[in-house]
């Protein structure tokens, strides 16, 4: 109301500003009376139940953020439960040259980063880039998203 009145004073229309402030005051008073007449207070038991539900919802929200943070940390940290029992044994990767490196030992990658990595590695076919993104970043990445990032990356390069 003060803002409405001061706006009228600044515009050299003090009467209009005062009238608008009075109308605002009447509207606020009317709304307060309506709320007092129709609002019903909650009993003590219902208030306690509502506060408990709000506390659980707030705890779930806070926990979800912490769980996402923990998942990011765990994804970046290689998991080793025990040392290698035969460190001088034969290299099994040499027996199978087509074997992919274990993906759990690498950090998570966004779709945009996967597209950039694929193009920098010499993969030029959009289908090949999409396969790389599905394998490396997100198995559910849409082809249109990958194509959009391809266009963006090629335009900026």
N, C-alpha and C. Protein backbone atom coordinates (compact mmCIF):
# COMPACT_ATOMS: atom_id res chain seq x y z
N UNK A 1 0.83 -1.18 0.00
CA UNK A 1 0.00 0.00 0.00
C UNK A 1 0.87 1.25 0.00
N UNK A 2 1.96 1.17 0.72
CA UNK A 2 2.90 2.29 0.75
C UNK A 2 3.49 2.50 -0.64
N UNK A 3 3.79 1.40 -1.33
CA UNK A 3 4.35 1.51 -2.68
C UNK A 3 3.34 2.13 -3.63
N UNK A 4 2.07 1.75 -3.51
CA UNK A 4 1.04 2.31 -4.38
C UNK A 4 0.87 3.80 -4.11
N UNK A 5 0.84 4.15 -2.83
CA UNK A 5 0.70 5.57 -2.48
C UNK A 5 1.91 6.39 -2.91
N UNK A 6 3.12 5.85 -2.72
CA UNK A 6 4.32 6.60 -3.11
C UNK A 6 4.42 6.71 -4.63
N UNK A 7 3.93 5.70 -5.36
CA UNK A 7 3.92 5.80 -6.82
C UNK A 7 2.99 6.93 -7.26
N UNK A 8 1.84 7.07 -6.61
CA UNK A 8 0.95 8.19 -6.93
C UNK A 8 1.60 9.53 -6.62
N UNK A 9 2.34 9.59 -5.52
CA UNK A 9 3.02 10.84 -5.16
C UNK A 9 4.12 11.16 -6.18
N UNK A 10 4.88 10.12 -6.64
CA UNK A 10 5.95 10.34 -7.61
C UNK A 10 5.39 10.76 -8.97
N UNK A 11 4.20 10.31 -9.31
CA UNK A 11 3.59 10.66 -10.59
C UNK A 11 2.76 11.93 -10.50
N UNK A 12 2.89 12.67 -9.40
CA UNK A 12 2.13 13.90 -9.17
C UNK A 12 0.63 13.66 -9.18
N UNK A 13 0.21 12.51 -8.69
CA UNK A 13 -1.20 12.17 -8.57
C UNK A 13 -1.42 11.62 -7.17
N UNK A 14 -1.28 12.48 -6.19
CA UNK A 14 -1.38 12.05 -4.80
C UNK A 14 -2.77 11.52 -4.49
N UNK A 15 -3.81 12.12 -5.05
CA UNK A 15 -5.17 11.66 -4.79
C UNK A 15 -5.39 10.25 -5.36
N UNK A 16 -4.88 10.00 -6.55
CA UNK A 16 -5.02 8.68 -7.16
C UNK A 16 -4.23 7.65 -6.35
N UNK A 17 -3.03 7.99 -5.92
CA UNK A 17 -2.22 7.08 -5.12
C UNK A 17 -2.89 6.77 -3.79
N UNK A 18 -3.47 7.79 -3.14
CA UNK A 18 -4.15 7.57 -1.86
C UNK A 18 -5.39 6.69 -2.06
N UNK A 19 -6.14 6.93 -3.12
CA UNK A 19 -7.33 6.12 -3.39
C UNK A 19 -6.94 4.66 -3.67
N UNK A 20 -5.89 4.45 -4.44
CA UNK A 20 -5.44 3.09 -4.74
C UNK A 20 -4.95 2.39 -3.48
N UNK A 21 -4.25 3.10 -2.60
CA UNK A 21 -3.79 2.52 -1.35
C UNK A 21 -4.97 2.17 -0.46
N UNK A 22 -6.00 3.02 -0.44
CA UNK A 22 -7.20 2.74 0.36
C UNK A 22 -7.93 1.51 -0.18
N UNK A 23 -8.04 1.39 -1.49
CA UNK A 23 -8.69 0.21 -2.09
C UNK A 23 -7.91 -1.05 -1.74
N UNK A 24 -6.59 -0.97 -1.77
CA UNK A 24 -5.76 -2.11 -1.41
C UNK A 24 -5.97 -2.49 0.05
N UNK A 25 -6.06 -1.49 0.93
CA UNK A 25 -6.29 -1.76 2.35
C UNK A 25 -7.65 -2.42 2.56
N UNK A 26 -8.68 -1.95 1.87
CA UNK A 26 -10.01 -2.55 1.99
C UNK A 26 -10.01 -4.00 1.49
N UNK A 27 -9.31 -4.26 0.40
CA UNK A 27 -9.25 -5.62 -0.13
C UNK A 27 -8.54 -6.55 0.85
N UNK A 28 -7.47 -6.09 1.44
CA UNK A 28 -6.74 -6.91 2.42
C UNK A 28 -7.60 -7.17 3.66
N UNK A 29 -8.29 -6.16 4.12
CA UNK A 29 -9.15 -6.33 5.29
C UNK A 29 -10.29 -7.30 4.97
N UNK A 30 -10.88 -7.17 3.81
CA UNK A 30 -11.96 -8.09 3.42
C UNK A 30 -11.48 -9.52 3.33
N UNK A 31 -10.33 -9.72 2.76
CA UNK A 31 -9.78 -11.07 2.63
C UNK A 31 -9.47 -11.67 4.00
N UNK A 32 -8.96 -10.85 4.92
CA UNK A 32 -8.68 -11.32 6.27
C UNK A 32 -9.97 -11.75 6.97
N UNK A 33 -11.05 -10.97 6.81
CA UNK A 33 -12.33 -11.33 7.42
C UNK A 33 -12.88 -12.63 6.84
N UNK A 34 -12.76 -12.81 5.54
CA UNK A 34 -13.24 -14.03 4.91
C UNK A 34 -12.46 -15.24 5.42
N UNK A 35 -11.15 -15.11 5.52
CA UNK A 35 -10.34 -16.22 6.01
C UNK A 35 -10.67 -16.56 7.46
N UNK A 36 -10.91 -15.56 8.29
CA UNK A 36 -11.28 -15.82 9.68
C UNK A 36 -12.63 -16.51 9.79
N UNK A 37 -13.53 -16.16 8.90
CA UNK A 37 -14.87 -16.73 8.97
C UNK A 37 -14.90 -18.18 8.48
N UNK A 38 -14.12 -18.52 7.47
CA UNK A 38 -14.22 -19.84 6.86
C UNK A 38 -13.08 -20.79 7.17
N UNK A 39 -11.96 -20.31 7.63
CA UNK A 39 -10.83 -21.19 7.92
C UNK A 39 -11.09 -21.95 9.22
N UNK A 40 -10.80 -23.23 9.21
CA UNK A 40 -10.97 -24.05 10.40
C UNK A 40 -9.58 -24.49 10.87
N UNK A 41 -9.27 -24.24 12.13
CA UNK A 41 -7.96 -24.67 12.62
C UNK A 41 -7.89 -26.19 12.74
N UNK A 42 -6.69 -26.72 12.57
CA UNK A 42 -6.48 -28.16 12.70
C UNK A 42 -6.38 -28.53 14.18
N UNK A 43 -6.90 -29.69 14.53
CA UNK A 43 -6.74 -30.14 15.91
C UNK A 43 -5.28 -30.54 16.15
N UNK A 44 -4.92 -30.75 17.39
CA UNK A 44 -3.53 -31.01 17.76
C UNK A 44 -3.00 -32.27 17.09
N UNK A 45 -3.83 -33.31 17.05
CA UNK A 45 -3.40 -34.58 16.47
C UNK A 45 -3.14 -34.44 14.96
N UNK A 46 -4.00 -33.73 14.28
CA UNK A 46 -3.83 -33.52 12.84
C UNK A 46 -2.61 -32.65 12.56
N UNK A 47 -2.38 -31.63 13.39
CA UNK A 47 -1.19 -30.79 13.23
C UNK A 47 0.08 -31.63 13.39
N UNK A 48 0.10 -32.50 14.38
CA UNK A 48 1.27 -33.35 14.60
C UNK A 48 1.49 -34.29 13.42
N UNK A 49 0.39 -34.86 12.90
CA UNK A 49 0.49 -35.76 11.73
C UNK A 49 1.04 -35.01 10.53
N UNK A 50 0.53 -33.79 10.30
CA UNK A 50 0.98 -32.99 9.17
C UNK A 50 2.46 -32.61 9.30
N UNK A 51 2.88 -32.21 10.49
CA UNK A 51 4.29 -31.88 10.71
C UNK A 51 5.18 -33.10 10.49
N UNK A 52 4.70 -34.27 10.90
CA UNK A 52 5.48 -35.49 10.70
C UNK A 52 5.62 -35.81 9.21
N UNK A 53 4.54 -35.66 8.45
CA UNK A 53 4.59 -35.91 7.01
C UNK A 53 5.53 -34.92 6.32
N UNK A 54 5.47 -33.64 6.74
CA UNK A 54 6.36 -32.64 6.16
C UNK A 54 7.82 -32.95 6.49
N UNK A 55 8.08 -33.40 7.70
CA UNK A 55 9.45 -33.74 8.10
C UNK A 55 9.96 -34.92 7.28
N UNK A 56 9.11 -35.95 7.06
CA UNK A 56 9.53 -37.09 6.25
C UNK A 56 9.80 -36.68 4.81
N UNK A 57 8.95 -35.80 4.27
CA UNK A 57 9.16 -35.35 2.89
C UNK A 57 10.46 -34.55 2.78
N UNK A 58 10.71 -33.69 3.75
CA UNK A 58 11.96 -32.93 3.75
C UNK A 58 13.18 -33.82 3.89
N UNK A 59 13.06 -34.85 4.73
CA UNK A 59 14.18 -35.79 4.89
C UNK A 59 14.43 -36.55 3.60
N UNK A 60 13.36 -36.95 2.89
CA UNK A 60 13.54 -37.66 1.62
C UNK A 60 14.23 -36.77 0.59
N UNK A 61 13.84 -35.50 0.54
CA UNK A 61 14.48 -34.58 -0.40
C UNK A 61 15.97 -34.41 -0.09
N UNK A 62 16.28 -34.24 1.18
CA UNK A 62 17.69 -34.09 1.57
C UNK A 62 18.47 -35.37 1.31
N UNK A 63 17.85 -36.51 1.58
CA UNK A 63 18.52 -37.79 1.37
C UNK A 63 18.78 -38.04 -0.11
N UNK A 64 17.85 -37.67 -0.98
CA UNK A 64 18.05 -37.88 -2.41
C UNK A 64 19.27 -37.10 -2.91
N UNK A 65 19.42 -35.86 -2.45
CA UNK A 65 20.59 -35.08 -2.84
C UNK A 65 21.88 -35.73 -2.37
N UNK A 66 21.89 -36.22 -1.14
CA UNK A 66 23.08 -36.87 -0.62
C UNK A 66 23.37 -38.18 -1.35
N UNK A 67 22.32 -38.93 -1.70
CA UNK A 67 22.52 -40.18 -2.43
C UNK A 67 23.08 -39.93 -3.83
N UNK A 68 22.60 -38.87 -4.49
CA UNK A 68 23.16 -38.53 -5.81
C UNK A 68 24.63 -38.16 -5.68
N UNK A 69 24.97 -37.39 -4.66
CA UNK A 69 26.36 -37.01 -4.43
C UNK A 69 27.22 -38.26 -4.17
N UNK A 70 26.72 -39.17 -3.35
CA UNK A 70 27.44 -40.40 -3.06
C UNK A 70 27.61 -41.26 -4.32
N UNK A 71 26.59 -41.32 -5.16
CA UNK A 71 26.69 -42.11 -6.39
C UNK A 71 27.75 -41.52 -7.32
N UNK A 72 27.83 -40.18 -7.39
CA UNK A 72 28.87 -39.55 -8.22
C UNK A 72 30.26 -39.89 -7.69
N UNK A 73 30.42 -39.87 -6.38
CA UNK A 73 31.73 -40.19 -5.79
C UNK A 73 32.07 -41.65 -6.06
N UNK A 74 31.11 -42.55 -5.85
CA UNK A 74 31.37 -43.97 -6.06
C UNK A 74 31.66 -44.28 -7.52
N UNK A 75 31.03 -43.56 -8.43
CA UNK A 75 31.27 -43.81 -9.86
C UNK A 75 32.68 -43.39 -10.26
N UNK A 76 33.24 -42.44 -9.56
CA UNK A 76 34.59 -41.98 -9.89
C UNK A 76 35.67 -42.82 -9.21
N UNK A 77 35.30 -43.60 -8.22
CA UNK A 77 36.27 -44.36 -7.44
C UNK A 77 36.24 -45.82 -7.87
N UNK A 78 37.37 -46.35 -8.36
CA UNK A 78 37.39 -47.77 -8.71
C UNK A 78 37.24 -48.62 -7.46
N UNK A 79 36.47 -49.67 -7.60
CA UNK A 79 36.20 -50.54 -6.45
C UNK A 79 37.11 -51.76 -6.53
N UNK A 80 37.92 -51.95 -5.49
CA UNK A 80 38.79 -53.12 -5.41
C UNK A 80 38.58 -53.72 -4.03
N UNK A 81 38.04 -54.91 -4.00
CA UNK A 81 37.75 -55.55 -2.72
C UNK A 81 38.93 -56.34 -2.18
N UNK A 82 39.74 -56.93 -3.07
CA UNK A 82 40.89 -57.70 -2.61
C UNK A 82 42.02 -57.53 -3.62
N UNK A 83 43.26 -57.69 -3.15
CA UNK A 83 44.38 -57.58 -4.09
C UNK A 83 44.38 -58.74 -5.07
N UNK A 84 45.06 -58.57 -6.17
CA UNK A 84 45.16 -59.61 -7.20
C UNK A 84 45.90 -60.81 -6.62
N UNK A 85 45.29 -62.00 -6.73
CA UNK A 85 45.91 -63.19 -6.14
C UNK A 85 47.13 -63.66 -6.91
N UNK A 86 47.20 -63.37 -8.21
CA UNK A 86 48.33 -63.80 -9.03
C UNK A 86 48.80 -62.63 -9.89
N UNK A 87 49.57 -61.70 -9.30
CA UNK A 87 49.96 -60.53 -10.07
C UNK A 87 50.90 -60.84 -11.23
N UNK A 88 51.63 -61.98 -11.18
CA UNK A 88 52.56 -62.32 -12.25
C UNK A 88 51.96 -63.30 -13.25
N UNK A 89 50.66 -63.56 -13.15
CA UNK A 89 50.01 -64.53 -14.02
C UNK A 89 49.87 -64.01 -15.43
N UNK A 90 49.37 -64.88 -16.34
CA UNK A 90 49.24 -64.46 -17.74
C UNK A 90 48.20 -63.37 -17.90
N UNK A 91 48.45 -62.53 -18.86
CA UNK A 91 47.53 -61.43 -19.16
C UNK A 91 46.36 -61.98 -19.97
N UNK A 92 45.18 -61.97 -19.40
CA UNK A 92 44.02 -62.51 -20.10
C UNK A 92 43.55 -61.58 -21.20
N UNK A 93 43.84 -60.30 -21.09
CA UNK A 93 43.42 -59.36 -22.12
C UNK A 93 44.15 -59.64 -23.43
N UNK A 94 45.36 -60.19 -23.35
CA UNK A 94 46.09 -60.51 -24.58
C UNK A 94 45.45 -61.68 -25.30
N UNK A 95 44.77 -62.56 -24.56
CA UNK A 95 44.09 -63.69 -25.19
C UNK A 95 42.84 -63.25 -25.94
N UNK A 96 42.24 -62.18 -25.51
CA UNK A 96 41.00 -61.70 -26.13
C UNK A 96 41.18 -60.23 -26.52
N UNK A 97 41.72 -59.96 -27.70
CA UNK A 97 41.98 -58.57 -28.08
C UNK A 97 40.71 -57.75 -28.29
N UNK A 98 39.57 -58.39 -28.52
CA UNK A 98 38.34 -57.64 -28.75
C UNK A 98 37.62 -57.28 -27.45
N UNK A 99 38.22 -57.61 -26.33
CA UNK A 99 37.59 -57.34 -25.05
C UNK A 99 37.60 -55.84 -24.78
N UNK A 100 36.45 -55.32 -24.31
CA UNK A 100 36.35 -53.90 -23.97
C UNK A 100 36.94 -53.67 -22.59
N UNK A 101 37.50 -52.48 -22.35
CA UNK A 101 37.99 -52.20 -21.00
C UNK A 101 36.80 -52.12 -20.05
N UNK A 102 36.99 -52.50 -18.80
CA UNK A 102 35.86 -52.47 -17.86
C UNK A 102 35.38 -51.04 -17.65
N UNK A 103 34.10 -50.83 -17.86
CA UNK A 103 33.55 -49.48 -17.78
C UNK A 103 33.38 -49.01 -16.35
N UNK A 104 33.37 -49.93 -15.35
CA UNK A 104 33.18 -49.50 -13.98
C UNK A 104 34.41 -48.80 -13.41
N UNK A 105 35.53 -48.88 -14.11
CA UNK A 105 36.74 -48.22 -13.62
C UNK A 105 36.92 -46.83 -14.20
N UNK A 106 36.01 -46.40 -15.04
CA UNK A 106 36.11 -45.08 -15.64
C UNK A 106 35.02 -44.18 -15.08
N UNK A 107 35.28 -42.89 -15.12
CA UNK A 107 34.33 -41.92 -14.58
C UNK A 107 33.09 -41.82 -15.47
N UNK A 108 31.96 -41.45 -14.90
CA UNK A 108 30.75 -41.29 -15.72
C UNK A 108 30.92 -40.15 -16.71
N UNK A 109 30.23 -40.26 -17.83
CA UNK A 109 30.38 -39.29 -18.90
C UNK A 109 29.00 -38.82 -19.33
N UNK A 110 28.88 -37.54 -19.64
CA UNK A 110 27.62 -37.03 -20.16
C UNK A 110 27.51 -37.37 -21.63
N UNK A 111 26.30 -37.23 -22.17
CA UNK A 111 26.09 -37.50 -23.59
C UNK A 111 26.93 -36.55 -24.43
N UNK A 112 26.97 -35.29 -24.02
CA UNK A 112 27.74 -34.29 -24.77
C UNK A 112 29.23 -34.64 -24.78
N UNK A 113 29.76 -35.04 -23.62
CA UNK A 113 31.17 -35.43 -23.56
C UNK A 113 31.44 -36.68 -24.37
N UNK A 114 30.49 -37.63 -24.37
CA UNK A 114 30.68 -38.85 -25.16
C UNK A 114 30.71 -38.54 -26.64
N UNK A 115 29.86 -37.62 -27.10
CA UNK A 115 29.87 -37.23 -28.52
C UNK A 115 31.20 -36.57 -28.85
N UNK A 116 31.67 -35.68 -27.99
CA UNK A 116 32.94 -35.00 -28.23
C UNK A 116 34.09 -36.00 -28.28
N UNK A 117 34.09 -36.96 -27.36
CA UNK A 117 35.15 -37.97 -27.33
C UNK A 117 35.11 -38.83 -28.58
N UNK A 118 33.91 -39.21 -29.01
CA UNK A 118 33.78 -40.05 -30.21
C UNK A 118 34.31 -39.32 -31.43
N UNK A 119 33.95 -38.06 -31.60
CA UNK A 119 34.40 -37.29 -32.77
C UNK A 119 35.91 -37.08 -32.70
N UNK A 120 36.43 -36.78 -31.52
CA UNK A 120 37.87 -36.60 -31.37
C UNK A 120 38.64 -37.89 -31.62
N UNK A 121 37.98 -39.04 -31.42
CA UNK A 121 38.62 -40.33 -31.65
C UNK A 121 38.53 -40.77 -33.10
N UNK A 122 37.88 -39.97 -33.94
CA UNK A 122 37.80 -40.29 -35.35
C UNK A 122 36.52 -40.99 -35.77
N UNK A 123 35.56 -41.12 -34.88
CA UNK A 123 34.28 -41.72 -35.25
C UNK A 123 33.44 -40.63 -35.90
N UNK A 124 33.08 -40.82 -37.16
CA UNK A 124 32.37 -39.77 -37.89
C UNK A 124 30.93 -40.13 -38.23
N UNK A 125 30.62 -41.39 -38.35
CA UNK A 125 29.27 -41.81 -38.70
C UNK A 125 28.32 -41.54 -37.53
N UNK A 126 27.18 -40.88 -37.79
CA UNK A 126 26.23 -40.62 -36.70
C UNK A 126 25.76 -41.90 -36.00
N UNK A 127 25.60 -42.99 -36.76
CA UNK A 127 25.18 -44.25 -36.14
C UNK A 127 26.27 -44.80 -35.22
N UNK A 128 27.52 -44.67 -35.65
CA UNK A 128 28.63 -45.14 -34.81
C UNK A 128 28.76 -44.29 -33.56
N UNK A 129 28.55 -42.99 -33.71
CA UNK A 129 28.61 -42.10 -32.54
C UNK A 129 27.48 -42.46 -31.57
N UNK A 130 26.29 -42.73 -32.11
CA UNK A 130 25.16 -43.11 -31.26
C UNK A 130 25.45 -44.41 -30.52
N UNK A 131 26.05 -45.39 -31.20
CA UNK A 131 26.41 -46.64 -30.53
C UNK A 131 27.42 -46.39 -29.41
N UNK A 132 28.40 -45.52 -29.69
CA UNK A 132 29.41 -45.19 -28.68
C UNK A 132 28.75 -44.52 -27.47
N UNK A 133 27.84 -43.59 -27.73
CA UNK A 133 27.16 -42.89 -26.63
C UNK A 133 26.33 -43.88 -25.82
N UNK A 134 25.63 -44.79 -26.49
CA UNK A 134 24.83 -45.79 -25.77
C UNK A 134 25.72 -46.67 -24.91
N UNK A 135 26.89 -47.00 -25.42
CA UNK A 135 27.80 -47.88 -24.69
C UNK A 135 28.50 -47.14 -23.55
N UNK A 136 28.87 -45.90 -23.77
CA UNK A 136 29.74 -45.19 -22.84
C UNK A 136 29.01 -44.28 -21.86
N UNK A 137 27.94 -43.61 -22.31
CA UNK A 137 27.33 -42.59 -21.46
C UNK A 137 25.92 -42.95 -21.02
N UNK A 138 25.01 -43.14 -21.97
CA UNK A 138 23.60 -43.32 -21.63
C UNK A 138 22.97 -44.28 -22.63
N UNK A 139 22.54 -45.43 -22.16
CA UNK A 139 21.96 -46.44 -23.05
C UNK A 139 20.62 -45.98 -23.62
N UNK A 140 20.00 -44.98 -23.01
CA UNK A 140 18.71 -44.49 -23.47
C UNK A 140 18.80 -43.15 -24.18
N UNK A 141 19.99 -42.72 -24.55
CA UNK A 141 20.15 -41.43 -25.22
C UNK A 141 19.43 -41.45 -26.56
N UNK A 142 18.69 -40.39 -26.83
CA UNK A 142 17.93 -40.30 -28.07
C UNK A 142 18.85 -39.96 -29.23
N UNK A 143 18.53 -40.51 -30.39
CA UNK A 143 19.34 -40.25 -31.59
C UNK A 143 19.33 -38.77 -31.94
N UNK A 144 18.19 -38.11 -31.75
CA UNK A 144 18.11 -36.68 -32.06
C UNK A 144 19.02 -35.86 -31.15
N UNK A 145 19.12 -36.25 -29.89
CA UNK A 145 20.02 -35.55 -28.97
C UNK A 145 21.47 -35.70 -29.41
N UNK A 146 21.85 -36.90 -29.78
CA UNK A 146 23.22 -37.15 -30.24
C UNK A 146 23.49 -36.37 -31.52
N UNK A 147 22.54 -36.37 -32.45
CA UNK A 147 22.72 -35.61 -33.70
C UNK A 147 22.84 -34.12 -33.43
N UNK A 148 22.05 -33.60 -32.48
CA UNK A 148 22.12 -32.18 -32.15
C UNK A 148 23.51 -31.84 -31.59
N UNK A 149 24.04 -32.69 -30.69
CA UNK A 149 25.38 -32.45 -30.16
C UNK A 149 26.44 -32.59 -31.24
N UNK A 150 26.24 -33.51 -32.18
CA UNK A 150 27.18 -33.64 -33.30
C UNK A 150 27.23 -32.36 -34.11
N UNK A 151 26.04 -31.83 -34.46
CA UNK A 151 26.00 -30.58 -35.24
C UNK A 151 26.65 -29.44 -34.46
N UNK A 152 26.35 -29.35 -33.18
CA UNK A 152 26.93 -28.30 -32.35
C UNK A 152 28.45 -28.42 -32.28
N UNK A 153 28.95 -29.64 -32.10
CA UNK A 153 30.39 -29.83 -31.98
C UNK A 153 31.09 -29.56 -33.30
N UNK A 154 30.50 -30.01 -34.40
CA UNK A 154 31.13 -29.79 -35.71
C UNK A 154 31.11 -28.32 -36.09
N UNK A 155 30.07 -27.60 -35.68
CA UNK A 155 29.98 -26.18 -35.98
C UNK A 155 31.03 -25.39 -35.19
N UNK A 156 31.29 -25.82 -33.93
CA UNK A 156 32.25 -25.08 -33.11
C UNK A 156 33.69 -25.46 -33.41
N UNK A 157 33.91 -26.59 -34.07
CA UNK A 157 35.28 -27.05 -34.34
C UNK A 157 35.88 -26.36 -35.54
